[in-house]
Amino acid sequence: MTSDERNRKTTERTRLLAARRVAGAAPLTSVVLPAVEAFGVVPGQAVCAYLAVGGEPGSVEMLDVLRDAGYRVLLPVVVGAAPLDWAEYDGALRPGPHGLREPAGAVLGPSAIGAAALVLVPALAVDHRGVRLGRGGGHYDRSLPLARGPKVAVVRESEFVPSLPAEPHDVLMDAVLTPAGLVKLPL
């Protein structure tokens, strides 16, 4: 990656984070089930998801919709610089590191993402090729290579962009979910 591309990534992160600070809620409760079903995922199977923070699209209600439909919802548990650990969401949450909340149940290990039928991935932006821009902490960069199921970046419509700088370690997304619905990638 060139220094110009690295600078563009930093600029995009700053711009997108500022926009999210003033963005309204995007709970995704009406679009999450059709998105999961579009990949043939059936109740009883595991779906990795996340707890929305800092203006991210998504909500606890979105997680409850999945759980109430019979899906096993796995949420990330941050454990230092290692790949994310995962625990099943049963409705109970506890405080975690970095001011995050995490599921109260037993951790399942980083390999749990590999058994999930689908992974809903938080992103600041995703492009038409499936390149995802995250917050820059690297937690998902270390975890996504373990995923076998489809990976769906979750963003607002304005965060679904034509092009983003890519790095060799980037794992491409198979689709993007916005409040308007699901788009399979690449375009």
C-alpha atoms as a PDB file:
ATOM      1  CA  MET A   1       0.000   0.000   0.000  1.00  0.00           C
ATOM      2  CA  THR A   2       1.393   3.371  -0.959  1.00  0.00           C
ATOM      3  CA  SER A   3       1.572   6.279   1.446  1.00  0.00           C
ATOM      4  CA  ASP A   4      -1.135   8.039  -0.617  1.00  0.00           C
ATOM      5  CA  GLU A   5      -3.466   5.047  -0.141  1.00  0.00           C
ATOM      6  CA  ARG A   6      -2.654   4.892   3.575  1.00  0.00           C
ATOM      7  CA  ASN A   7      -3.415   8.619   3.872  1.00  0.00           C
ATOM      8  CA  ARG A   8      -6.684   8.112   1.973  1.00  0.00           C
ATOM      9  CA  LYS A   9      -7.655   5.334   4.400  1.00  0.00           C
ATOM     10  CA  THR A  10      -6.926   7.567   7.394  1.00  0.00           C
ATOM     11  CA  THR A  11      -8.859  10.461   5.854  1.00  0.00           C
ATOM     12  CA  GLU A  12     -11.836   8.209   5.086  1.00  0.00           C
ATOM     13  CA  ARG A  13     -11.878   6.820   8.648  1.00  0.00           C
ATOM     14  CA  THR A  14     -11.837  10.337  10.121  1.00  0.00           C
ATOM     15  CA  ARG A  15     -14.631  11.521   7.807  1.00  0.00           C
ATOM     16  CA  LEU A  16     -16.814   8.460   8.370  1.00  0.00           C
ATOM     17  CA  LEU A  17     -16.412   8.493  12.155  1.00  0.00           C
ATOM     18  CA  ALA A  18     -17.356  12.189  12.251  1.00  0.00           C
ATOM     19  CA  ALA A  19     -20.456  11.515  10.143  1.00  0.00           C
ATOM     20  CA  ARG A  20     -21.492   8.672  12.449  1.00  0.00           C
ATOM     21  CA  ARG A  21     -21.326  10.916  15.509  1.00  0.00           C
ATOM     22  CA  VAL A  22     -24.305  12.858  14.142  1.00  0.00           C
ATOM     23  CA  ALA A  23     -26.093  10.050  12.291  1.00  0.00           C
ATOM     24  CA  GLY A  24     -29.454   8.817  13.415  1.00  0.00           C
ATOM     25  CA  ALA A  25     -30.139   5.269  14.497  1.00  0.00           C
ATOM     26  CA  ALA A  26     -30.117   2.478  11.920  1.00  0.00           C
ATOM     27  CA  PRO A  27     -31.447  -0.536  13.842  1.00  0.00           C
ATOM     28  CA  LEU A  28     -31.740  -2.879  10.786  1.00  0.00           C
ATOM     29  CA  THR A  29     -34.521  -4.883  12.438  1.00  0.00           C
ATOM     30  CA  SER A  30     -36.606  -5.115   9.248  1.00  0.00           C
ATOM     31  CA  VAL A  31     -33.773  -6.111   6.876  1.00  0.00           C
ATOM     32  CA  VAL A  32     -31.668  -8.539   8.906  1.00  0.00           C
ATOM     33  CA  LEU A  33     -33.850 -11.662   8.558  1.00  0.00           C
ATOM     34  CA  PRO A  34     -34.282 -11.375   4.772  1.00  0.00           C
ATOM     35  CA  ALA A  35     -30.506 -10.864   4.473  1.00  0.00           C
ATOM     36  CA  VAL A  36     -29.703 -13.982   6.500  1.00  0.00           C
ATOM     37  CA  GLU A  37     -32.309 -16.018   4.627  1.00  0.00           C
ATOM     38  CA  ALA A  38     -30.893 -14.856   1.256  1.00  0.00           C
ATOM     39  CA  PHE A  39     -27.836 -16.992   2.011  1.00  0.00           C
ATOM     40  CA  GLY A  40     -29.904 -20.059   2.904  1.00  0.00           C
ATOM     41  CA  VAL A  41     -29.133 -19.806   6.614  1.00  0.00           C
ATOM     42  CA  VAL A  42     -31.828 -21.565   8.632  1.00  0.00           C
ATOM     43  CA  PRO A  43     -32.887 -21.315  12.280  1.00  0.00           C
ATOM     44  CA  GLY A  44     -30.632 -23.323  14.564  1.00  0.00           C
ATOM     45  CA  GLN A  45     -27.508 -22.263  12.681  1.00  0.00           C
ATOM     46  CA  ALA A  46     -25.031 -19.772  14.119  1.00  0.00           C
ATOM     47  CA  VAL A  47     -24.786 -16.184  12.911  1.00  0.00           C
ATOM     48  CA  CYS A  48     -21.858 -14.084  14.105  1.00  0.00           C
ATOM     49  CA  ALA A  49     -22.983 -10.526  14.704  1.00  0.00           C
ATOM     50  CA  TYR A  50     -21.865  -7.563  16.825  1.00  0.00           C
ATOM     51  CA  LEU A  51     -23.154  -4.984  19.269  1.00  0.00           C
ATOM     52  CA  ALA A  52     -23.409  -1.654  17.483  1.00  0.00           C
ATOM     53  CA  VAL A  53     -21.372   1.181  19.040  1.00  0.00           C
ATOM     54  CA  GLY A  54     -20.468   4.721  18.077  1.00  0.00           C
ATOM     55  CA  GLY A  55     -23.188   5.233  15.474  1.00  0.00           C
ATOM     56  CA  GLU A  56     -22.717   1.844  13.781  1.00  0.00           C
ATOM     57  CA  PRO A  57     -25.776   0.483  12.004  1.00  0.00           C
ATOM     58  CA  GLY A  58     -27.383  -2.322  13.965  1.00  0.00           C
ATOM     59  CA  SER A  59     -28.928  -2.660  17.406  1.00  0.00           C
ATOM     60  CA  VAL A  60     -29.645  -4.985  20.282  1.00  0.00           C
ATOM     61  CA  GLU A  61     -33.132  -5.265  18.761  1.00  0.00           C
ATOM     62  CA  MET A  62     -31.536  -6.606  15.556  1.00  0.00           C
ATOM     63  CA  LEU A  63     -29.803  -9.290  17.641  1.00  0.00           C
ATOM     64  CA  ASP A  64     -33.076 -10.096  19.372  1.00  0.00           C
ATOM     65  CA  VAL A  65     -34.836 -10.467  15.996  1.00  0.00           C
ATOM     66  CA  LEU A  66     -32.243 -13.066  14.976  1.00  0.00           C
ATOM     67  CA  ARG A  67     -32.395 -14.873  18.314  1.00  0.00           C
ATOM     68  CA  ASP A  68     -36.198 -14.849  18.404  1.00  0.00           C
ATOM     69  CA  ALA A  69     -36.225 -16.360  14.878  1.00  0.00           C
ATOM     70  CA  GLY A  70     -34.209 -19.305  16.216  1.00  0.00           C
ATOM     71  CA  TYR A  71     -30.679 -18.424  15.140  1.00  0.00           C
ATOM     72  CA  ARG A  72     -27.736 -18.918  17.502  1.00  0.00           C
ATOM     73  CA  VAL A  73     -26.303 -15.404  17.722  1.00  0.00           C
ATOM     74  CA  LEU A  74     -22.579 -15.240  18.492  1.00  0.00           C
ATOM     75  CA  LEU A  75     -21.035 -11.944  19.560  1.00  0.00           C
ATOM     76  CA  PRO A  76     -17.367 -10.979  19.721  1.00  0.00           C
ATOM     77  CA  VAL A  77     -15.358 -10.901  22.908  1.00  0.00           C
ATOM     78  CA  VAL A  78     -12.190  -8.788  22.659  1.00  0.00           C
ATOM     79  CA  VAL A  79      -9.098 -10.546  24.025  1.00  0.00           C
ATOM     80  CA  GLY A  80      -6.083  -8.305  23.427  1.00  0.00           C
ATOM     81  CA  ALA A  81      -4.455  -8.419  20.007  1.00  0.00           C
ATOM     82  CA  ALA A  82      -5.540 -12.000  19.288  1.00  0.00           C
ATOM     83  CA  PRO A  83      -8.408 -12.901  16.956  1.00  0.00           C
ATOM     84  CA  LEU A  84     -11.789 -12.180  18.486  1.00  0.00           C
ATOM     85  CA  ASP A  85     -13.264 -14.757  20.815  1.00  0.00           C
ATOM     86  CA  TRP A  86     -17.007 -15.446  20.566  1.00  0.00           C
ATOM     87  CA  ALA A  87     -19.825 -16.146  23.009  1.00  0.00           C
ATOM     88  CA  GLU A  88     -23.486 -16.900  22.459  1.00  0.00           C
ATOM     89  CA  TYR A  89     -25.905 -14.027  23.019  1.00  0.00           C
ATOM     90  CA  ASP A  90     -28.797 -15.084  25.239  1.00  0.00           C
ATOM     91  CA  GLY A  91     -30.048 -11.566  25.949  1.00  0.00           C
ATOM     92  CA  ALA A  92     -27.647 -10.914  28.841  1.00  0.00           C
ATOM     93  CA  LEU A  93     -24.713  -8.537  28.415  1.00  0.00           C
ATOM     94  CA  ARG A  94     -21.852  -7.495  30.680  1.00  0.00           C
ATOM     95  CA  PRO A  95     -19.227  -4.738  30.492  1.00  0.00           C
ATOM     96  CA  GLY A  96     -16.175  -5.637  28.426  1.00  0.00           C
ATOM     97  CA  PRO A  97     -12.896  -3.931  27.533  1.00  0.00           C
ATOM     98  CA  HIS A  98     -12.722  -0.572  25.713  1.00  0.00           C
ATOM     99  CA  GLY A  99     -16.163   0.424  27.040  1.00  0.00           C
ATOM    100  CA  LEU A 100     -17.821  -2.327  24.981  1.00  0.00           C
ATOM    101  CA  ARG A 101     -20.509  -4.742  26.101  1.00  0.00           C
ATOM    102  CA  GLU A 102     -20.179  -8.456  25.506  1.00  0.00           C
ATOM    103  CA  PRO A 103     -22.299 -11.570  26.012  1.00  0.00           C
ATOM    104  CA  ALA A 104     -22.368 -12.902  29.558  1.00  0.00           C
ATOM    105  CA  GLY A 105     -22.037 -16.573  28.554  1.00  0.00           C
ATOM    106  CA  ALA A 106     -18.967 -18.777  28.281  1.00  0.00           C
ATOM    107  CA  VAL A 107     -16.505 -18.000  25.503  1.00  0.00           C
ATOM    108  CA  LEU A 108     -16.361 -20.441  22.609  1.00  0.00           C
ATOM    109  CA  GLY A 109     -12.906 -19.613  21.251  1.00  0.00           C
ATOM    110  CA  PRO A 110     -11.759 -17.780  18.120  1.00  0.00           C
ATOM    111  CA  SER A 111     -12.600 -20.778  15.913  1.00  0.00           C
ATOM    112  CA  ALA A 112     -16.349 -20.324  16.587  1.00  0.00           C
ATOM    113  CA  ILE A 113     -16.456 -17.871  13.664  1.00  0.00           C
ATOM    114  CA  GLY A 114     -15.493 -20.772  11.391  1.00  0.00           C
ATOM    115  CA  ALA A 115     -18.611 -22.718  12.376  1.00  0.00           C
ATOM    116  CA  ALA A 116     -20.973 -19.786  11.769  1.00  0.00           C
ATOM    117  CA  ALA A 117     -23.256 -20.025   8.752  1.00  0.00           C
ATOM    118  CA  LEU A 118     -22.988 -16.245   8.228  1.00  0.00           C
ATOM    119  CA  VAL A 119     -20.931 -13.379   9.642  1.00  0.00           C
ATOM    120  CA  LEU A 120     -22.355  -9.857   9.980  1.00  0.00           C
ATOM    121  CA  VAL A 121     -19.292  -7.616  10.027  1.00  0.00           C
ATOM    122  CA  PRO A 122     -19.221  -4.024  11.299  1.00  0.00           C
ATOM    123  CA  ALA A 123     -17.550  -1.644   8.868  1.00  0.00           C
ATOM    124  CA  LEU A 124     -17.012   2.057   8.365  1.00  0.00           C
ATOM    125  CA  ALA A 125     -17.343   1.530   4.619  1.00  0.00           C
ATOM    126  CA  VAL A 126     -17.305  -1.197   1.989  1.00  0.00           C
ATOM    127  CA  ASP A 127     -16.701  -0.847  -1.720  1.00  0.00           C
ATOM    128  CA  HIS A 128     -18.257  -2.476  -4.766  1.00  0.00           C
ATOM    129  CA  ARG A 129     -15.488  -5.136  -4.856  1.00  0.00           C
ATOM    130  CA  GLY A 130     -16.093  -6.097  -1.210  1.00  0.00           C
ATOM    131  CA  VAL A 131     -13.114  -4.277   0.303  1.00  0.00           C
ATOM    132  CA  ARG A 132     -14.006  -3.356   3.890  1.00  0.00           C
ATOM    133  CA  LEU A 133     -12.723  -0.379   5.852  1.00  0.00           C
ATOM    134  CA  GLY A 134     -12.793  -1.030   9.598  1.00  0.00           C
ATOM    135  CA  ARG A 135     -11.882   1.132  12.547  1.00  0.00           C
ATOM    136  CA  GLY A 136      -8.211   0.206  12.276  1.00  0.00           C
ATOM    137  CA  GLY A 137      -7.803  -1.972  15.374  1.00  0.00           C
ATOM    138  CA  GLY A 138      -7.245  -5.149  13.361  1.00  0.00           C
ATOM    139  CA  HIS A 139      -9.551  -7.389  15.426  1.00  0.00           C
ATOM    140  CA  TYR A 140     -11.642  -8.384  12.408  1.00  0.00           C
ATOM    141  CA  ASP A 141      -8.561  -8.547  10.141  1.00  0.00           C
ATOM    142  CA  ARG A 142      -7.250 -11.294  12.441  1.00  0.00           C
ATOM    143  CA  SER A 143     -10.629 -13.041  12.770  1.00  0.00           C
ATOM    144  CA  LEU A 144     -12.179 -13.003   9.283  1.00  0.00           C
ATOM    145  CA  PRO A 145      -9.653 -15.430   7.746  1.00  0.00           C
ATOM    146  CA  LEU A 146     -11.128 -18.068  10.108  1.00  0.00           C
ATOM    147  CA  ALA A 147     -14.681 -17.551   8.765  1.00  0.00           C
ATOM    148  CA  ARG A 148     -16.084 -20.062   6.275  1.00  0.00           C
ATOM    149  CA  GLY A 149     -19.601 -18.670   5.894  1.00  0.00           C
ATOM    150  CA  PRO A 150     -20.538 -15.610   3.853  1.00  0.00           C
ATOM    151  CA  LYS A 151     -19.247 -12.332   5.239  1.00  0.00           C
ATOM    152  CA  VAL A 152     -21.680  -9.409   5.116  1.00  0.00           C
ATOM    153  CA  ALA A 153     -20.439  -5.875   5.839  1.00  0.00           C
ATOM    154  CA  VAL A 154     -23.028  -3.721   7.601  1.00  0.00           C
ATOM    155  CA  VAL A 155     -23.029  -0.010   6.719  1.00  0.00           C
ATOM    156  CA  ARG A 156     -25.317   2.893   5.849  1.00  0.00           C
ATOM    157  CA  GLU A 157     -26.097   3.549   2.177  1.00  0.00           C
ATOM    158  CA  SER A 158     -23.663   6.499   2.100  1.00  0.00           C
ATOM    159  CA  GLU A 159     -20.879   4.171   3.351  1.00  0.00           C
ATOM    160  CA  PHE A 160     -21.260   1.794   0.392  1.00  0.00           C
ATOM    161  CA  VAL A 161     -18.753   3.386  -1.965  1.00  0.00           C
ATOM    162  CA  PRO A 162     -17.292   2.636  -5.418  1.00  0.00           C
ATOM    163  CA  SER A 163     -13.690   2.142  -4.286  1.00  0.00           C
ATOM    164  CA  LEU A 164     -11.491   1.869  -1.179  1.00  0.00           C
ATOM    165  CA  PRO A 165      -7.764   1.239  -0.833  1.00  0.00           C
ATOM    166  CA  ALA A 166      -7.053  -2.467  -0.288  1.00  0.00           C
ATOM    167  CA  GLU A 167      -4.265  -4.226   1.570  1.00  0.00           C
ATOM    168  CA  PRO A 168      -3.038  -7.785   1.000  1.00  0.00           C
ATOM    169  CA  HIS A 169      -4.515  -9.004   4.310  1.00  0.00           C
ATOM    170  CA  ASP A 170      -8.017  -7.667   3.567  1.00  0.00           C
ATOM    171  CA  VAL A 171     -10.727 -10.330   3.454  1.00  0.00           C
ATOM    172  CA  LEU A 172     -13.334  -9.427   0.856  1.00  0.00           C
ATOM    173  CA  MET A 173     -16.976  -9.220   1.844  1.00  0.00           C
ATOM    174  CA  ASP A 174     -19.550 -11.357   0.025  1.00  0.00           C
ATOM    175  CA  ALA A 175     -22.320  -8.793   0.466  1.00  0.00           C
ATOM    176  CA  VAL A 176     -23.243  -5.502   2.063  1.00  0.00           C
ATOM    177  CA  LEU A 177     -26.284  -4.880   4.261  1.00  0.00           C
ATOM    178  CA  THR A 178     -27.665  -1.373   4.572  1.00  0.00           C
ATOM    179  CA  PRO A 179     -30.969  -0.110   5.973  1.00  0.00           C
ATOM    180  CA  ALA A 180     -32.248  -0.430   2.377  1.00  0.00           C
ATOM    181  CA  GLY A 181     -31.403  -4.145   2.211  1.00  0.00           C
ATOM    182  CA  LEU A 182     -28.810  -6.632   0.971  1.00  0.00           C
ATOM    183  CA  VAL A 183     -26.515  -6.293  -2.057  1.00  0.00           C
ATOM    184  CA  LYS A 184     -24.351  -9.273  -3.036  1.00  0.00           C
ATOM    185  CA  LEU A 185     -20.762  -8.478  -4.061  1.00  0.00           C
ATOM    186  CA  PRO A 186     -18.755  -7.890  -6.132  1.00  0.00           C
ATOM    187  CA  LEU A 187     -20.814  -5.586  -8.348  1.00  0.00           C
END
